Amino acid sequence: MKKSGTQFKWITIALCFILVFTLAACGEKKAANAGSENTENSEKSENNTENVNPKSDVKLTMWGFKVAFDPGFKAVADEFKKRTDVTVETQIITPDDAYNQKVQAAATVNDLPDLYLYWNGPAAGSFDGTAYEWSQELNANPEWKNSFFPSALAGQTVAQANIDEWQKDEKISQWLKDRKVDEIFGLPIDVGTFYTIYGNAKLLKEAGVPTDAPATVEEWIERMKMVKEKTGKAGFVFSGKTDSVYENWMANFQDYMKNGEESFTKLMNREGNMSDQQHLQQLKFIEDLAKAKLFPDGMVNLDIDQSDQLFARGDAAYSLGGTFTFANFSALGMKSEDVISFRVPAYAGSVKPDVTAVPFGLVQLIVNNKKKHVKEAVDFVKFLTSEEGMVLYANAAFDIPSVNVQDKSKLHPAIESMLSSLSMEDNWWSQNGPIRDKVFTNPEWRKFHELKQKVLLGSLTAEDAAKSFDGTVAKEKANEKK
């Protein structure tokens, strides 16, 4: 019995060992299967921006310059946080001039954030390799690439014409000279147009002024005078401080409508004169309104935000902006029924008075390629520019998204309405950006801004300002020949 008991004891121990190893093996197999399942979930999460159990301590910083747009970015950041646990913290620097100075200074010392907004344009804000290049990502996903409005993405894409211009410019960096066709250094987040006049419906009704679009510039000025006479309020406001607002958002477009493409092209290519009668209206408009006291006092010192605030307070009947400006007015408390809008009117007798405004990319989001968390920043921009991300952004920011949202019923009615009012068919104006953009690249337009301010203050006549502008052009042409 003793021997039999001993045998039983060892058999029992052996069975226990077998059971332990079997359970351990099963546990390892289960763990391996679970690991495989988690890997699959992780891959699905990466591809679909949808994390089952996200765990991340990554924090991205994003700079922007539009207070009204910030709720849109925050809405996207909140949803992105839920899916990936990656935090995107937004910081707003205003006004535009202050933001531009901060970005330029940060770029100089390599201190830009993970993400930053910048004005649209091929390689604009790229700061010699700081910006992430997107063409490979876009080409790998044609469905995503084709979801952008063509004009929005085209406005960001380096073309041969850009490279040719950079090659001729001695001040341009070698990095820009070495760019390749079709490179893209920032993705557009919205589309729209400039050339938009907003009217304060309450003030116009108080003055007995019609709230429809005036047929001509001349009729529009008469309406401004009625407002001034009946209410004592200013007729028109825009940022007199910010370089190129009047020129780029209004005056050059009116010049094109008034004179046609040939005459406008000659002016921009330094083959025409601002002092010629067909172009003088760009400065004469400022002089006439200043003499009639139709501008608010101190307008020469107003930046864009201050100009919008003055209009929203009811201190001016009309304001110059773009489709994006509606977001500012909404943030300032204006109701949609209190705001009217129409395209910048043409002068009587214009050659092309009915030119449609084709939307283009306005603001781009750039990923800093020199930061630690480039992948996470890229993933955030991808989510932002997905249909879901764009709907979240647009509805919270009151901004027209850069992606052609298929289900437009998901968009706020005001945004859906603005989209329906825009033309998607290209025309000469939309196709000739390099000519229009000389207002930013040619030095004489910096001079125009200074001259415009002097005319606004009454210290210089429109004719003398135009002659001074032409003199600057002549000097630039002479320098080019050297």
Protein backbone atom coordinates (compact mmCIF):
# COMPACT_ATOMS: atom_id res chain seq x y z
CA MET A 1 0.00 0.00 0.00
CA LYS A 2 2.85 2.31 0.84
CA LYS A 3 4.43 1.77 -2.55
CA SER A 4 1.08 2.21 -4.23
CA GLY A 5 0.50 5.46 -2.26
CA THR A 6 3.91 6.76 -3.28
CA GLN A 7 3.13 6.01 -6.92
CA PHE A 8 -0.17 7.84 -6.62
CA LYS A 9 1.59 10.82 -5.07
CA TRP A 10 4.07 11.14 -7.97
CA ILE A 11 1.35 10.57 -10.55
CA THR A 12 -0.64 13.39 -8.94
CA ILE A 13 2.37 15.74 -8.98
CA ALA A 14 3.04 14.88 -12.60
CA LEU A 15 -0.53 15.60 -13.55
CA CYS A 16 -0.34 18.98 -11.78
CA PHE A 17 2.77 19.91 -13.74
CA ILE A 18 1.10 18.86 -16.99
CA LEU A 19 -1.96 20.93 -16.11
CA VAL A 20 0.16 23.98 -15.22
CA PHE A 21 2.12 23.81 -18.50
CA THR A 22 -1.05 23.26 -20.49
CA LEU A 23 -2.71 26.31 -18.91
CA ALA A 24 0.45 28.34 -19.46
CA ALA A 25 0.58 27.33 -23.11
CA CYS A 26 -3.08 28.20 -23.55
CA GLY A 27 -2.47 31.52 -21.86
CA GLU A 28 0.45 32.29 -24.15
CA LYS A 29 -1.60 31.34 -27.20
CA LYS A 30 -4.49 33.52 -26.02
CA ALA A 31 -2.11 36.37 -25.33
CA ALA A 32 -0.57 35.94 -28.78
CA ASN A 33 -4.00 35.97 -30.38
CA ALA A 34 -4.94 39.02 -28.34
CA GLY A 35 -1.72 40.73 -29.43
CA SER A 36 -2.52 39.95 -33.05
CA GLU A 37 -6.04 41.28 -32.58
CA ASN A 38 -4.71 44.44 -30.92
CA THR A 39 -2.28 44.89 -33.82
CA GLU A 40 -5.14 44.66 -36.28
CA ASN A 41 -7.13 47.17 -34.24
CA SER A 42 -4.10 49.42 -34.11
CA GLU A 43 -3.70 49.24 -37.89
CA LYS A 44 -7.37 49.96 -38.41
CA SER A 45 -7.04 52.86 -36.02
CA GLU A 46 -4.11 54.31 -37.99
CA ASN A 47 -5.87 54.00 -41.33
CA ASN A 48 -9.27 55.24 -40.20
CA THR A 49 -8.17 57.68 -37.49
CA GLU A 50 -10.27 55.61 -35.10
CA ASN A 51 -8.52 54.31 -32.00
CA VAL A 52 -10.21 51.69 -29.80
CA ASN A 53 -8.03 52.20 -26.72
CA PRO A 54 -5.96 55.31 -27.48
CA LYS A 55 -3.04 56.06 -25.21
CA SER A 56 -0.83 59.00 -26.04
CA ASP A 57 0.94 61.79 -24.24
CA VAL A 58 1.62 63.70 -27.47
CA LYS A 59 0.65 67.36 -27.41
CA LEU A 60 0.74 69.47 -30.56
CA THR A 61 0.69 73.26 -30.66
CA MET A 62 -1.05 75.11 -33.48
CA TRP A 63 -0.90 78.84 -34.23
CA GLY A 64 -3.67 80.76 -35.96
CA PHE A 65 -4.72 84.34 -36.62
CA LYS A 66 -8.51 84.27 -36.93
CA VAL A 67 -10.50 84.36 -33.68
CA ALA A 68 -13.66 83.32 -35.51
CA PHE A 69 -11.99 80.21 -36.95
CA ASP A 70 -10.69 78.92 -33.62
CA PRO A 71 -13.96 77.18 -32.58
CA GLY A 72 -13.75 75.20 -35.81
CA PHE A 73 -10.23 73.97 -35.09
CA LYS A 74 -11.16 73.20 -31.49
CA ALA A 75 -14.14 71.10 -32.65
CA VAL A 76 -11.84 69.03 -34.85
CA ALA A 77 -9.17 68.81 -32.14
CA ASP A 78 -11.71 67.51 -29.61
CA GLU A 79 -12.84 64.72 -31.94
CA PHE A 80 -9.24 63.90 -32.87
CA LYS A 81 -8.41 63.66 -29.16
CA LYS A 82 -11.21 61.12 -28.65
CA ARG A 83 -9.88 58.95 -31.46
CA THR A 84 -6.14 59.17 -30.93
CA ASP A 85 -5.63 60.71 -27.47
CA VAL A 86 -3.34 63.24 -29.20
CA THR A 87 -3.91 66.78 -27.89
CA VAL A 88 -3.93 69.74 -30.28
CA GLU A 89 -3.74 73.06 -28.48
CA THR A 90 -4.59 76.17 -30.51
CA GLN A 91 -3.14 79.62 -29.91
CA ILE A 92 -4.55 82.72 -31.63
CA ILE A 93 -2.38 85.76 -32.34
CA THR A 94 -4.10 88.85 -33.71
CA PRO A 95 -4.28 91.03 -35.70
CA ASP A 96 -2.94 89.65 -38.98
CA ASP A 97 0.09 91.95 -39.01
CA ALA A 98 1.11 90.87 -35.49
CA TYR A 99 0.69 87.22 -36.44
CA ASN A 100 2.80 87.60 -39.54
CA GLN A 101 5.57 89.27 -37.55
CA LYS A 102 5.50 86.52 -34.92
CA VAL A 103 5.66 83.75 -37.52
CA GLN A 104 8.51 85.43 -39.40
CA ALA A 105 10.46 85.93 -36.17
CA ALA A 106 9.86 82.34 -35.03
CA ALA A 107 10.97 80.99 -38.41
CA THR A 108 14.22 82.94 -38.13
CA VAL A 109 15.16 81.19 -34.87
CA ASN A 110 13.61 77.81 -35.80
CA ASP A 111 10.90 78.15 -33.14
CA LEU A 112 7.70 77.59 -35.12
CA PRO A 113 5.04 75.31 -33.56
CA ASP A 114 3.99 71.86 -34.77
CA LEU A 115 1.24 73.36 -36.92
CA TYR A 116 0.64 76.89 -38.13
CA LEU A 117 -1.77 78.71 -40.40
CA TYR A 118 -0.47 80.79 -43.27
CA TRP A 119 -1.90 82.61 -46.25
CA ASN A 120 -2.26 80.46 -49.36
CA GLY A 121 0.27 80.40 -52.16
CA PRO A 122 2.80 77.99 -53.69
CA ALA A 123 5.51 77.41 -51.05
CA ALA A 124 4.18 80.35 -49.04
CA GLY A 125 5.15 80.01 -45.39
CA SER A 126 7.43 77.06 -46.14
CA PHE A 127 10.49 78.88 -44.76
CA ASP A 128 13.14 77.00 -46.73
CA GLY A 129 12.23 73.43 -45.80
CA THR A 130 10.41 73.96 -42.52
CA ALA A 131 7.10 72.91 -44.09
CA TYR A 132 6.14 69.28 -44.69
CA GLU A 133 5.74 68.39 -48.39
CA TRP A 134 2.38 66.77 -49.20
CA SER A 135 2.48 65.58 -52.82
CA GLN A 136 3.43 61.98 -51.99
CA GLU A 137 0.64 61.66 -49.40
CA LEU A 138 -1.92 63.15 -51.79
CA ASN A 139 -0.89 61.02 -54.77
CA ALA A 140 -1.08 57.88 -52.65
CA ASN A 141 -4.73 58.62 -51.88
CA PRO A 142 -6.45 59.91 -55.07
CA GLU A 143 -9.90 59.91 -53.45
CA TRP A 144 -8.71 62.29 -50.74
CA LYS A 145 -6.77 64.44 -53.21
CA ASN A 146 -9.76 64.75 -55.54
CA SER A 147 -12.06 65.73 -52.67
CA PHE A 148 -10.46 69.21 -52.55
CA PHE A 149 -11.89 71.95 -54.71
CA PRO A 150 -9.46 72.04 -57.68
CA SER A 151 -8.88 75.78 -57.35
CA ALA A 152 -7.97 75.38 -53.68
CA LEU A 153 -5.29 72.76 -54.25
CA ALA A 154 -4.04 74.43 -57.45
CA GLY A 155 -3.37 77.59 -55.46
CA GLN A 156 -0.95 75.64 -53.26
CA THR A 157 0.82 73.71 -56.00
CA VAL A 158 4.23 74.81 -57.26
CA ALA A 159 4.04 75.47 -61.01
CA GLN A 160 6.76 76.02 -63.58
CA ALA A 161 5.77 79.69 -63.74
CA ASN A 162 6.56 80.03 -60.01
CA ILE A 163 9.94 78.39 -60.43
CA ASP A 164 10.77 80.61 -63.40
CA GLU A 165 9.98 83.72 -61.35
CA TRP A 166 12.05 82.51 -58.39
CA GLN A 167 15.00 81.77 -60.65
CA LYS A 168 15.05 85.40 -61.82
CA ASP A 169 14.88 86.87 -58.31
CA GLU A 170 18.29 87.44 -56.75
CA LYS A 171 16.75 87.87 -53.30
CA ILE A 172 15.06 84.46 -53.37
CA SER A 173 16.73 81.63 -51.43
CA GLN A 174 18.42 78.74 -53.21
CA TRP A 175 15.91 76.39 -51.55
CA LEU A 176 13.06 78.08 -53.42
CA LYS A 177 15.02 78.07 -56.67
CA ASP A 178 15.43 74.28 -56.30
CA ARG A 179 11.70 73.54 -56.00
CA LYS A 180 9.98 71.00 -58.24
CA VAL A 181 6.72 71.26 -60.16
CA ASP A 182 3.68 69.87 -58.28
CA GLU A 183 5.20 70.16 -54.80
CA ILE A 184 2.70 71.23 -52.11
CA PHE A 185 3.86 72.60 -48.75
CA GLY A 186 0.54 73.29 -47.03
CA LEU A 187 -3.05 72.12 -47.37
CA PRO A 188 -5.90 74.60 -47.86
CA ILE A 189 -8.49 74.54 -45.09
CA ASP A 190 -11.03 76.88 -46.64
CA VAL A 191 -12.08 78.44 -49.92
CA GLY A 192 -13.78 81.65 -50.77
CA THR A 193 -13.30 84.93 -52.51
CA PHE A 194 -12.45 88.50 -51.69
CA TYR A 195 -14.40 91.17 -53.60
CA THR A 196 -17.30 91.08 -51.12
CA ILE A 197 -19.16 94.10 -49.76
CA TYR A 198 -21.18 93.66 -46.59
CA GLY A 199 -23.99 95.99 -45.62
CA ASN A 200 -25.45 96.67 -42.18
CA ALA A 201 -29.14 96.06 -42.91
CA LYS A 202 -30.35 97.90 -39.80
CA LEU A 203 -28.39 101.04 -40.61
CA LEU A 204 -29.39 100.98 -44.27
CA LYS A 205 -33.09 100.64 -43.41
CA GLU A 206 -32.79 103.45 -40.87
CA ALA A 207 -31.41 105.68 -43.64
CA GLY A 208 -34.06 104.56 -46.12
CA VAL A 209 -31.42 102.99 -48.37
CA PRO A 210 -32.25 99.90 -50.47
CA THR A 211 -30.71 96.67 -49.20
CA ASP A 212 -30.19 95.11 -52.61
CA ALA A 213 -26.91 95.22 -54.56
CA PRO A 214 -26.23 98.57 -56.24
CA ALA A 215 -25.87 98.33 -60.02
CA THR A 216 -22.67 100.42 -60.20
CA VAL A 217 -19.98 101.98 -58.05
CA GLU A 218 -21.56 105.36 -58.72
CA GLU A 219 -24.93 104.22 -57.35
CA TRP A 220 -23.21 102.64 -54.37
CA ILE A 221 -21.49 105.94 -53.48
CA GLU A 222 -24.84 107.76 -53.63
CA ARG A 223 -26.23 105.26 -51.12
CA MET A 224 -23.26 105.92 -48.82
CA LYS A 225 -24.01 109.64 -48.97
CA MET A 226 -27.65 109.00 -48.02
CA VAL A 227 -26.51 107.04 -44.94
CA LYS A 228 -24.16 109.84 -43.93
CA GLU A 229 -26.86 112.47 -44.40
CA LYS A 230 -29.62 110.57 -42.57
CA THR A 231 -27.67 108.96 -39.72
CA GLY A 232 -24.31 110.73 -39.50
CA LYS A 233 -22.59 107.34 -39.73
CA ALA A 234 -19.74 106.47 -42.11
CA GLY A 235 -20.58 105.09 -45.51
CA PHE A 236 -17.72 102.64 -45.94
CA VAL A 237 -14.92 101.04 -43.90
CA PHE A 238 -11.97 98.76 -44.56
CA SER A 239 -8.55 98.29 -43.00
CA GLY A 240 -6.56 101.35 -43.99
CA LYS A 241 -3.58 100.05 -42.04
CA THR A 242 -3.17 96.59 -43.52
CA ASP A 243 -1.08 96.41 -46.65
CA SER A 244 -2.93 95.36 -49.86
CA VAL A 245 -6.47 94.92 -48.46
CA TYR A 246 -8.01 97.62 -50.66
CA GLU A 247 -5.78 96.84 -53.64
CA ASN A 248 -6.18 93.06 -53.58
CA TRP A 249 -9.77 92.73 -52.32
CA MET A 250 -11.36 95.46 -54.42
CA ALA A 251 -9.47 97.98 -56.57
CA ASN A 252 -7.60 95.65 -58.92
CA PHE A 253 -10.69 93.52 -59.51
CA GLN A 254 -12.65 96.66 -60.40
CA ASP A 255 -9.83 97.75 -62.71
CA TYR A 256 -10.04 94.42 -64.52
CA MET A 257 -13.84 94.72 -64.88
CA LYS A 258 -13.57 98.31 -66.05
CA ASN A 259 -10.80 97.88 -68.62
CA GLY A 260 -10.63 94.19 -69.54
CA GLU A 261 -7.72 91.77 -69.37
CA GLU A 262 -5.37 93.46 -71.86
CA SER A 263 -5.34 96.86 -70.17
CA PHE A 264 -5.23 95.35 -66.67
CA THR A 265 -2.35 93.05 -67.64
CA LYS A 266 -0.35 95.98 -69.00
CA LEU A 267 -0.78 97.86 -65.73
CA MET A 268 0.37 94.89 -63.66
CA ASN A 269 3.28 94.16 -66.03
CA ARG A 270 4.53 97.76 -65.80
CA GLU A 271 3.48 98.59 -69.34
CA GLY A 272 0.65 100.93 -68.33
CA ASN A 273 0.41 103.95 -66.03
CA MET A 274 -1.67 104.41 -62.88
CA SER A 275 -2.03 108.09 -63.87
CA ASP A 276 -3.84 107.14 -67.09
CA GLN A 277 -7.54 107.93 -66.85
CA GLN A 278 -8.61 104.31 -67.19
CA HIS A 279 -6.63 103.35 -64.06
CA LEU A 280 -6.74 106.53 -61.98
CA GLN A 281 -9.99 105.47 -60.29
CA GLN A 282 -8.01 103.16 -57.98
CA LEU A 283 -6.82 106.25 -56.11
CA LYS A 284 -9.62 108.64 -57.10
CA PHE A 285 -12.18 106.48 -55.28
CA ILE A 286 -10.23 106.98 -52.04
CA GLU A 287 -9.92 110.72 -52.63
CA ASP A 288 -13.62 111.22 -53.41
CA LEU A 289 -14.85 109.32 -50.36
CA ALA A 290 -12.34 111.02 -48.07
CA LYS A 291 -13.44 114.47 -49.27
CA ALA A 292 -17.09 113.53 -48.72
CA LYS A 293 -16.19 112.27 -45.22
CA LEU A 294 -17.67 108.87 -45.99
CA PHE A 295 -14.86 107.03 -44.20
CA PRO A 296 -14.82 106.80 -40.38
CA ASP A 297 -12.30 108.95 -38.54
CA GLY A 298 -8.92 107.30 -38.04
CA MET A 299 -9.49 104.61 -40.67
CA VAL A 300 -5.85 104.77 -41.73
CA ASN A 301 -4.98 103.17 -38.35
CA LEU A 302 -7.59 100.38 -38.42
CA ASP A 303 -6.43 96.79 -38.83
CA ILE A 304 -8.83 94.15 -40.22
CA ASP A 305 -10.30 93.11 -36.87
CA GLN A 306 -10.87 96.72 -35.79
CA SER A 307 -12.54 97.49 -39.11
CA ASP A 308 -14.89 94.52 -38.66
CA GLN A 309 -15.69 95.61 -35.11
CA LEU A 310 -16.57 99.13 -36.22
CA PHE A 311 -18.95 97.77 -38.85
CA ALA A 312 -20.52 95.28 -36.42
CA ARG A 313 -21.19 98.15 -33.95
CA GLY A 314 -23.24 99.89 -36.62
CA ASP A 315 -20.76 102.74 -37.17
CA ALA A 316 -20.49 102.19 -40.93
CA ALA A 317 -23.03 101.17 -43.55
CA TYR A 318 -20.71 99.04 -45.71
CA SER A 319 -17.57 97.02 -45.12
CA LEU A 320 -15.04 95.42 -47.46
CA GLY A 321 -14.14 91.76 -46.96
CA GLY A 322 -14.45 88.29 -48.37
CA THR A 323 -16.65 85.27 -47.87
CA PHE A 324 -14.55 84.51 -44.78
CA THR A 325 -15.53 87.82 -43.13
CA PHE A 326 -19.02 86.59 -42.29
CA ALA A 327 -17.45 84.41 -39.58
CA ASN A 328 -16.01 87.52 -37.89
CA PHE A 329 -19.36 89.31 -37.92
CA SER A 330 -21.08 86.24 -36.48
CA ALA A 331 -18.46 86.02 -33.71
CA LEU A 332 -19.08 89.71 -32.99
CA GLY A 333 -22.76 89.00 -32.40
CA MET A 334 -24.33 90.04 -35.69
CA LYS A 335 -27.32 87.98 -36.84
CA SER A 336 -27.42 86.76 -40.41
CA GLU A 337 -30.62 88.74 -41.10
CA ASP A 338 -28.81 91.96 -40.15
CA VAL A 339 -26.09 91.48 -42.78
CA ILE A 340 -26.43 91.80 -46.54
CA SER A 341 -23.66 91.06 -49.02
CA PHE A 342 -22.89 91.52 -52.69
CA ARG A 343 -19.92 91.33 -55.03
CA VAL A 344 -17.81 94.49 -55.35
CA PRO A 345 -19.74 96.58 -57.91
CA ALA A 346 -18.32 97.60 -61.28
CA TYR A 347 -18.01 101.15 -62.60
CA ALA A 348 -20.61 102.34 -65.09
CA GLY A 349 -19.53 101.47 -68.61
CA SER A 350 -17.17 98.67 -67.53
CA VAL A 351 -16.00 96.24 -70.20
CA LYS A 352 -16.71 93.17 -68.03
CA PRO A 353 -19.23 94.21 -65.37
CA ASP A 354 -20.58 90.71 -64.70
CA VAL A 355 -17.40 88.79 -63.87
CA THR A 356 -18.11 85.96 -61.44
CA ALA A 357 -15.94 85.34 -58.42
CA VAL A 358 -14.46 81.84 -58.49
CA PRO A 359 -13.53 80.51 -55.04
CA PHE A 360 -9.88 79.79 -54.29
CA GLY A 361 -7.94 78.61 -51.28
CA LEU A 362 -7.58 81.31 -48.65
CA VAL A 363 -5.73 79.87 -45.66
CA GLN A 364 -3.46 76.84 -45.46
CA LEU A 365 -2.39 74.69 -42.54
CA ILE A 366 1.31 73.81 -42.48
CA VAL A 367 3.01 70.97 -40.63
CA ASN A 368 6.42 71.84 -39.20
CA ASN A 369 8.69 69.15 -40.63
CA LYS A 370 11.41 69.92 -38.09
CA LYS A 371 9.42 69.05 -34.95
CA LYS A 372 9.36 65.76 -33.07
CA HIS A 373 5.76 64.69 -33.73
CA VAL A 374 5.45 65.13 -37.50
CA LYS A 375 3.41 61.93 -37.95
CA GLU A 376 0.79 62.99 -35.42
CA ALA A 377 0.59 66.46 -36.98
CA VAL A 378 0.15 64.94 -40.44
CA ASP A 379 -2.61 62.66 -39.10
CA PHE A 380 -4.40 65.67 -37.61
CA VAL A 381 -4.35 67.56 -40.92
CA LYS A 382 -5.60 64.45 -42.72
CA PHE A 383 -8.52 64.21 -40.32
CA LEU A 384 -9.23 67.94 -40.56
CA THR A 385 -9.41 67.71 -44.36
CA SER A 386 -11.57 64.59 -44.41
CA GLU A 387 -15.27 65.15 -45.08
CA GLU A 388 -16.10 64.56 -41.42
CA GLY A 389 -13.40 66.92 -40.21
CA MET A 390 -14.35 69.62 -42.69
CA VAL A 391 -18.02 69.52 -41.61
CA LEU A 392 -16.96 69.88 -37.96
CA TYR A 393 -14.64 72.77 -38.82
CA ALA A 394 -16.98 74.62 -41.18
CA ASN A 395 -20.04 74.54 -38.93
CA ALA A 396 -18.14 75.79 -35.87
CA ALA A 397 -16.09 78.40 -37.75
CA PHE A 398 -18.76 79.65 -40.20
CA ASP A 399 -16.19 79.14 -42.95
CA ILE A 400 -16.45 77.51 -46.39
CA PRO A 401 -14.42 74.25 -46.34
CA SER A 402 -11.72 73.51 -48.90
CA VAL A 403 -13.17 70.03 -49.48
CA ASN A 404 -16.24 69.57 -51.65
CA VAL A 405 -18.50 68.05 -48.99
CA GLN A 406 -20.77 65.57 -50.73
CA ASP A 407 -23.61 65.68 -48.20
CA LYS A 408 -24.12 69.44 -47.99
CA SER A 409 -27.15 68.97 -45.71
CA LYS A 410 -24.59 68.45 -42.92
CA LEU A 411 -23.36 72.02 -43.38
CA HIS A 412 -24.83 75.08 -41.66
CA PRO A 413 -27.50 76.66 -43.92
CA ALA A 414 -25.51 79.92 -44.17
CA ILE A 415 -22.44 78.04 -45.44
CA GLU A 416 -24.52 75.97 -47.83
CA SER A 417 -26.02 79.22 -49.15
CA MET A 418 -22.60 80.85 -49.66
CA LEU A 419 -21.39 77.77 -51.51
CA SER A 420 -24.36 77.86 -53.86
CA SER A 421 -23.69 81.53 -54.71
CA LEU A 422 -20.15 80.88 -55.93
CA SER A 423 -19.21 79.91 -59.46
CA MET A 424 -17.03 76.84 -59.91
CA GLU A 425 -16.31 77.61 -63.57
CA ASP A 426 -12.89 79.11 -64.23
CA ASN A 427 -12.56 82.45 -66.01
CA TRP A 428 -9.69 84.71 -67.00
CA TRP A 429 -9.47 86.27 -63.55
CA SER A 430 -9.30 82.94 -61.73
CA GLN A 431 -6.81 81.46 -64.19
CA ASN A 432 -4.28 84.30 -64.08
CA GLY A 433 -3.08 84.35 -60.51
CA PRO A 434 0.53 85.21 -61.44
CA ILE A 435 -0.71 88.49 -62.95
CA ARG A 436 -3.02 89.33 -60.04
CA ASP A 437 -0.38 88.39 -57.48
CA LYS A 438 2.05 91.05 -58.64
CA VAL A 439 0.29 93.19 -56.05
CA PHE A 440 2.31 91.12 -53.54
CA THR A 441 5.54 90.60 -55.45
CA ASN A 442 6.19 93.96 -57.16
CA PRO A 443 7.69 96.67 -54.89
CA GLU A 444 5.60 99.47 -56.42
CA TRP A 445 2.51 98.06 -54.68
CA ARG A 446 4.13 98.61 -51.29
CA LYS A 447 4.49 102.20 -52.46
CA PHE A 448 0.83 102.23 -53.53
CA HIS A 449 -0.19 101.37 -49.96
CA GLU A 450 1.75 104.35 -48.59
CA LEU A 451 0.32 106.67 -51.25
CA LYS A 452 -3.21 105.42 -50.64
CA GLN A 453 -2.85 106.26 -46.94
CA LYS A 454 -1.72 109.79 -47.77
CA VAL A 455 -4.70 110.28 -50.09
CA LEU A 456 -6.95 108.96 -47.34
CA LEU A 457 -5.51 111.54 -44.93
CA GLY A 458 -5.89 114.32 -47.49
CA SER A 459 -2.18 115.10 -47.67
CA LEU A 460 -1.84 114.00 -51.31
CA THR A 461 -4.14 114.19 -54.34
CA ALA A 462 -5.04 111.09 -56.33
CA GLU A 463 -3.27 112.45 -59.43
CA ASP A 464 -0.03 113.21 -57.59
CA ALA A 465 -0.14 109.81 -55.88
CA ALA A 466 -0.61 108.08 -59.24
CA LYS A 467 2.36 109.95 -60.73
CA SER A 468 4.48 108.93 -57.76
CA PHE A 469 3.44 105.32 -58.26
CA ASP A 470 4.42 105.51 -61.94
CA GLY A 471 7.78 106.98 -60.93
CA THR A 472 8.44 103.99 -58.67
CA VAL A 473 7.56 101.66 -61.55
CA ALA A 474 10.01 103.46 -63.83
CA LYS A 475 12.81 103.04 -61.28
CA GLU A 476 12.04 99.33 -60.89
CA LYS A 477 12.11 98.83 -64.66
CA ALA A 478 15.45 100.65 -64.88
CA ASN A 479 16.90 98.46 -62.13
CA GLU A 480 15.80 95.34 -63.97
CA LYS A 481 17.82 96.35 -67.03
CA LYS A 482 21.04 96.75 -65.07
